Amino acid sequence: MADAGEGAPAEQKKIVHTYPLVKNSDMPEEMKQEAIDMVVTACEKFASNNEAAAKMIKDQMDKKFGPPFHVVVGEGYGFEISYECLNLLYMFFGGNVAVIIWKC
């Protein structure tokens, strides 16, 4: 008899990032760093409530850099957006939580 493990695909290891991982951004460096700090704070404060985290990030971005910013926080979504140049940040935090911030 063959081993149960023979012929089975190798287990894929899931990579969990516990630090902010910026995938795409065209924000100026200072603005980007402030936005990352806001995301980290909001995602830690509202770890189980993505909607509240998104609202907190949006309110702070609107206050600091002027409206209208849009924010999506969640897992397993795709997007295609039009945005104002120099106002986009797409990042991951805490593993698989994706955050996109843009102004239009």
N, C-alpha and C. Protein backbone atom coordinates (compact mmCIF):
# COMPACT_ATOMS: atom_id res chain seq x y z
N MET A 1 0.83 -1.19 0.00
CA MET A 1 0.00 0.00 0.00
C MET A 1 0.87 1.25 0.00
N ALA A 2 0.36 2.27 -0.62
CA ALA A 2 1.09 3.53 -0.69
C ALA A 2 0.80 4.37 0.54
N ASP A 3 1.76 5.18 0.90
CA ASP A 3 1.54 6.11 2.01
C ASP A 3 0.45 7.09 1.63
N ALA A 4 -0.27 7.56 2.65
CA ALA A 4 -1.34 8.53 2.40
C ALA A 4 -0.78 9.84 1.87
N GLY A 5 0.50 10.12 2.18
CA GLY A 5 1.09 11.38 1.76
C GLY A 5 1.65 11.36 0.35
N GLU A 6 1.79 10.17 -0.25
CA GLU A 6 2.35 10.08 -1.59
C GLU A 6 1.39 10.64 -2.63
N GLY A 7 1.90 11.40 -3.54
CA GLY A 7 1.08 11.92 -4.63
C GLY A 7 0.24 13.12 -4.23
N ALA A 8 0.13 13.39 -2.94
CA ALA A 8 -0.65 14.55 -2.49
C ALA A 8 0.18 15.81 -2.69
N PRO A 9 -0.45 16.90 -3.08
CA PRO A 9 0.31 18.15 -3.25
C PRO A 9 0.90 18.60 -1.92
N ALA A 10 2.07 19.17 -2.01
CA ALA A 10 2.73 19.68 -0.80
C ALA A 10 1.88 20.77 -0.17
N GLU A 11 1.85 20.79 1.15
CA GLU A 11 1.07 21.82 1.84
C GLU A 11 1.68 23.18 1.54
N GLN A 12 0.83 24.13 1.22
CA GLN A 12 1.31 25.47 0.96
C GLN A 12 1.34 26.24 2.28
N LYS A 13 2.44 26.89 2.52
CA LYS A 13 2.56 27.67 3.74
C LYS A 13 1.98 29.05 3.50
N LYS A 14 1.19 29.49 4.45
CA LYS A 14 0.58 30.81 4.36
C LYS A 14 1.53 31.83 4.98
N ILE A 15 1.84 32.87 4.23
CA ILE A 15 2.73 33.91 4.72
C ILE A 15 1.87 34.96 5.42
N VAL A 16 2.18 35.21 6.67
CA VAL A 16 1.44 36.19 7.45
C VAL A 16 2.37 37.36 7.75
N HIS A 17 2.00 38.53 7.24
CA HIS A 17 2.78 39.74 7.48
C HIS A 17 2.19 40.46 8.68
N THR A 18 3.00 40.70 9.69
CA THR A 18 2.51 41.41 10.87
C THR A 18 2.93 42.87 10.83
N TYR A 19 3.50 43.28 9.75
CA TYR A 19 3.92 44.66 9.57
C TYR A 19 3.19 45.23 8.36
N PRO A 20 3.10 46.54 8.25
CA PRO A 20 2.43 47.12 7.08
C PRO A 20 3.22 46.83 5.80
N LEU A 21 2.54 46.27 4.83
CA LEU A 21 3.15 45.92 3.56
C LEU A 21 2.49 46.75 2.46
N VAL A 22 3.19 47.76 1.96
CA VAL A 22 2.65 48.63 0.92
C VAL A 22 2.84 47.97 -0.43
N LYS A 23 1.73 47.72 -1.13
CA LYS A 23 1.78 47.10 -2.45
C LYS A 23 1.90 48.14 -3.55
N ASN A 24 1.21 49.27 -3.39
CA ASN A 24 1.24 50.30 -4.41
C ASN A 24 0.90 51.64 -3.77
N SER A 25 1.64 52.66 -4.13
CA SER A 25 1.35 53.99 -3.63
C SER A 25 2.00 55.03 -4.53
N ASP A 26 1.30 56.11 -4.75
CA ASP A 26 1.91 57.23 -5.45
C ASP A 26 1.84 58.50 -4.59
N MET A 27 1.54 58.33 -3.31
CA MET A 27 1.50 59.45 -2.38
C MET A 27 2.91 59.97 -2.12
N PRO A 28 3.03 61.27 -1.83
CA PRO A 28 4.33 61.77 -1.37
C PRO A 28 4.74 61.03 -0.09
N GLU A 29 6.02 60.90 0.13
CA GLU A 29 6.54 60.07 1.23
C GLU A 29 5.96 60.45 2.59
N GLU A 30 5.89 61.73 2.89
CA GLU A 30 5.37 62.17 4.20
C GLU A 30 3.90 61.81 4.36
N MET A 31 3.12 62.04 3.33
CA MET A 31 1.69 61.70 3.36
C MET A 31 1.49 60.19 3.48
N LYS A 32 2.30 59.43 2.75
CA LYS A 32 2.21 57.98 2.79
C LYS A 32 2.50 57.45 4.19
N GLN A 33 3.54 57.99 4.83
CA GLN A 33 3.90 57.52 6.17
C GLN A 33 2.80 57.84 7.18
N GLU A 34 2.19 59.01 7.07
CA GLU A 34 1.09 59.36 7.97
C GLU A 34 -0.11 58.46 7.73
N ALA A 35 -0.40 58.15 6.48
CA ALA A 35 -1.52 57.26 6.15
C ALA A 35 -1.26 55.86 6.69
N ILE A 36 -0.04 55.36 6.56
CA ILE A 36 0.30 54.04 7.09
C ILE A 36 0.11 54.01 8.60
N ASP A 37 0.56 55.06 9.28
CA ASP A 37 0.39 55.13 10.73
C ASP A 37 -1.08 55.13 11.11
N MET A 38 -1.91 55.85 10.35
CA MET A 38 -3.36 55.87 10.60
C MET A 38 -3.96 54.49 10.42
N VAL A 39 -3.54 53.79 9.38
CA VAL A 39 -4.06 52.44 9.10
C VAL A 39 -3.69 51.48 10.23
N VAL A 40 -2.45 51.53 10.66
CA VAL A 40 -1.99 50.64 11.73
C VAL A 40 -2.80 50.91 13.01
N THR A 41 -2.95 52.17 13.36
CA THR A 41 -3.71 52.54 14.56
C THR A 41 -5.16 52.06 14.46
N ALA A 42 -5.81 52.33 13.34
CA ALA A 42 -7.22 51.97 13.18
C ALA A 42 -7.41 50.45 13.16
N CYS A 43 -6.53 49.74 12.47
CA CYS A 43 -6.69 48.28 12.37
C CYS A 43 -6.39 47.60 13.70
N GLU A 44 -5.51 48.17 14.50
CA GLU A 44 -5.27 47.61 15.83
C GLU A 44 -6.42 47.93 16.77
N LYS A 45 -6.95 49.14 16.68
CA LYS A 45 -8.05 49.55 17.56
C LYS A 45 -9.34 48.80 17.24
N PHE A 46 -9.63 48.62 15.96
CA PHE A 46 -10.86 47.96 15.52
C PHE A 46 -10.51 46.66 14.79
N ALA A 47 -9.83 45.77 15.46
CA ALA A 47 -9.35 44.53 14.83
C ALA A 47 -10.48 43.67 14.29
N SER A 48 -11.64 43.70 14.93
CA SER A 48 -12.74 42.84 14.49
C SER A 48 -13.84 43.61 13.77
N ASN A 49 -13.64 44.90 13.51
CA ASN A 49 -14.67 45.72 12.87
C ASN A 49 -14.02 46.55 11.76
N ASN A 50 -13.98 45.98 10.55
CA ASN A 50 -13.35 46.67 9.42
C ASN A 50 -14.06 47.95 9.04
N GLU A 51 -15.38 47.98 9.21
CA GLU A 51 -16.14 49.18 8.86
C GLU A 51 -15.74 50.36 9.74
N ALA A 52 -15.60 50.12 11.03
CA ALA A 52 -15.20 51.18 11.96
C ALA A 52 -13.77 51.64 11.67
N ALA A 53 -12.90 50.70 11.32
CA ALA A 53 -11.52 51.06 10.98
C ALA A 53 -11.49 51.94 9.74
N ALA A 54 -12.27 51.58 8.72
CA ALA A 54 -12.33 52.37 7.50
C ALA A 54 -12.86 53.77 7.77
N LYS A 55 -13.88 53.88 8.61
CA LYS A 55 -14.46 55.19 8.94
C LYS A 55 -13.44 56.06 9.67
N MET A 56 -12.71 55.46 10.61
CA MET A 56 -11.69 56.21 11.35
C MET A 56 -10.60 56.73 10.41
N ILE A 57 -10.13 55.87 9.50
CA ILE A 57 -9.09 56.27 8.55
C ILE A 57 -9.60 57.38 7.65
N LYS A 58 -10.81 57.23 7.12
CA LYS A 58 -11.39 58.23 6.22
C LYS A 58 -11.53 59.58 6.91
N ASP A 59 -12.07 59.57 8.13
CA ASP A 59 -12.26 60.83 8.86
C ASP A 59 -10.93 61.54 9.11
N GLN A 60 -9.91 60.78 9.49
CA GLN A 60 -8.60 61.39 9.75
C GLN A 60 -7.95 61.90 8.46
N MET A 61 -8.07 61.15 7.37
CA MET A 61 -7.50 61.59 6.10
C MET A 61 -8.21 62.85 5.59
N ASP A 62 -9.54 62.88 5.70
CA ASP A 62 -10.30 64.06 5.29
C ASP A 62 -9.88 65.29 6.09
N LYS A 63 -9.70 65.10 7.39
CA LYS A 63 -9.34 66.21 8.26
C LYS A 63 -7.92 66.70 7.98
N LYS A 64 -7.01 65.77 7.76
CA LYS A 64 -5.60 66.13 7.59
C LYS A 64 -5.28 66.63 6.18
N PHE A 65 -5.85 65.97 5.15
CA PHE A 65 -5.47 66.27 3.77
C PHE A 65 -6.61 66.79 2.90
N GLY A 66 -7.78 67.00 3.49
CA GLY A 66 -8.92 67.52 2.75
C GLY A 66 -9.74 66.44 2.08
N PRO A 67 -11.06 66.62 2.04
CA PRO A 67 -11.95 65.61 1.45
C PRO A 67 -11.87 65.63 -0.07
N PRO A 68 -12.39 64.66 -0.76
CA PRO A 68 -13.07 63.46 -0.31
C PRO A 68 -12.18 62.22 -0.46
N PHE A 69 -11.73 61.65 0.62
CA PHE A 69 -11.00 60.38 0.60
C PHE A 69 -11.99 59.23 0.70
N HIS A 70 -11.61 58.10 0.13
CA HIS A 70 -12.41 56.88 0.19
C HIS A 70 -11.49 55.78 0.74
N VAL A 71 -12.07 54.91 1.58
CA VAL A 71 -11.27 53.87 2.22
C VAL A 71 -12.05 52.56 2.20
N VAL A 72 -11.36 51.47 1.85
CA VAL A 72 -11.93 50.12 1.94
C VAL A 72 -10.96 49.29 2.77
N VAL A 73 -11.50 48.63 3.80
CA VAL A 73 -10.71 47.74 4.65
C VAL A 73 -11.40 46.38 4.63
N GLY A 74 -10.67 45.33 4.31
CA GLY A 74 -11.30 44.01 4.30
C GLY A 74 -10.39 42.94 3.74
N GLU A 75 -10.99 41.77 3.55
CA GLU A 75 -10.27 40.61 3.04
C GLU A 75 -10.95 40.10 1.77
N GLY A 76 -10.18 39.68 0.82
CA GLY A 76 -10.71 39.01 -0.35
C GLY A 76 -11.57 39.87 -1.26
N TYR A 77 -11.10 41.02 -1.65
CA TYR A 77 -11.84 41.84 -2.59
C TYR A 77 -10.92 42.30 -3.71
N GLY A 78 -11.51 42.65 -4.82
CA GLY A 78 -10.78 43.21 -5.94
C GLY A 78 -11.29 44.62 -6.19
N PHE A 79 -10.56 45.40 -6.95
CA PHE A 79 -10.99 46.76 -7.20
C PHE A 79 -10.41 47.28 -8.51
N GLU A 80 -11.12 48.21 -9.06
CA GLU A 80 -10.65 48.98 -10.21
C GLU A 80 -11.22 50.37 -10.01
N ILE A 81 -10.36 51.35 -9.82
CA ILE A 81 -10.81 52.69 -9.45
C ILE A 81 -10.16 53.74 -10.33
N SER A 82 -10.79 54.90 -10.36
CA SER A 82 -10.18 56.11 -10.91
C SER A 82 -9.87 57.00 -9.72
N TYR A 83 -8.71 57.60 -9.70
CA TYR A 83 -8.32 58.39 -8.55
C TYR A 83 -7.51 59.60 -8.97
N GLU A 84 -7.43 60.56 -8.06
CA GLU A 84 -6.63 61.76 -8.26
C GLU A 84 -5.17 61.39 -8.07
N CYS A 85 -4.32 61.78 -8.99
CA CYS A 85 -2.90 61.44 -8.90
C CYS A 85 -2.30 61.90 -7.58
N LEU A 86 -1.34 61.15 -7.09
CA LEU A 86 -0.63 61.40 -5.84
C LEU A 86 -1.52 61.23 -4.62
N ASN A 87 -2.57 60.41 -4.73
CA ASN A 87 -3.48 60.20 -3.60
C ASN A 87 -3.96 58.76 -3.50
N LEU A 88 -3.10 57.79 -3.77
CA LEU A 88 -3.47 56.38 -3.71
C LEU A 88 -2.51 55.63 -2.80
N LEU A 89 -3.09 54.76 -1.95
CA LEU A 89 -2.30 53.85 -1.11
C LEU A 89 -3.03 52.52 -1.05
N TYR A 90 -2.33 51.45 -1.44
CA TYR A 90 -2.86 50.10 -1.35
C TYR A 90 -1.88 49.28 -0.54
N MET A 91 -2.35 48.73 0.57
CA MET A 91 -1.45 48.02 1.48
C MET A 91 -2.14 46.87 2.19
N PHE A 92 -1.34 46.03 2.80
CA PHE A 92 -1.83 44.94 3.64
C PHE A 92 -1.33 45.17 5.06
N PHE A 93 -2.14 44.72 6.03
CA PHE A 93 -1.74 44.83 7.43
C PHE A 93 -2.27 43.63 8.19
N GLY A 94 -1.46 43.13 9.10
CA GLY A 94 -1.90 42.04 9.96
C GLY A 94 -2.21 40.76 9.22
N GLY A 95 -1.49 40.48 8.17
CA GLY A 95 -1.70 39.24 7.43
C GLY A 95 -2.48 39.46 6.17
N ASN A 96 -3.80 39.26 6.22
CA ASN A 96 -4.58 39.29 4.99
C ASN A 96 -5.61 40.42 4.95
N VAL A 97 -5.48 41.41 5.79
CA VAL A 97 -6.38 42.57 5.74
C VAL A 97 -5.80 43.59 4.77
N ALA A 98 -6.54 43.84 3.70
CA ALA A 98 -6.10 44.80 2.69
C ALA A 98 -6.78 46.14 2.94
N VAL A 99 -6.05 47.21 2.69
CA VAL A 99 -6.57 48.56 2.87
C VAL A 99 -6.23 49.35 1.61
N ILE A 100 -7.23 50.00 1.05
CA ILE A 100 -6.98 50.90 -0.07
C ILE A 100 -7.55 52.27 0.30
N ILE A 101 -6.75 53.29 0.08
CA ILE A 101 -7.14 54.67 0.35
C ILE A 101 -6.91 55.44 -0.94
N TRP A 102 -7.92 56.19 -1.36
CA TRP A 102 -7.76 57.02 -2.56
C TRP A 102 -8.65 58.25 -2.48
N LYS A 103 -8.30 59.22 -3.28
CA LYS A 103 -9.05 60.47 -3.34
C LYS A 103 -9.49 60.66 -4.78
N CYS A 104 -10.76 61.05 -4.95
CA CYS A 104 -11.23 61.31 -6.31
C CYS A 104 -12.11 62.53 -6.36
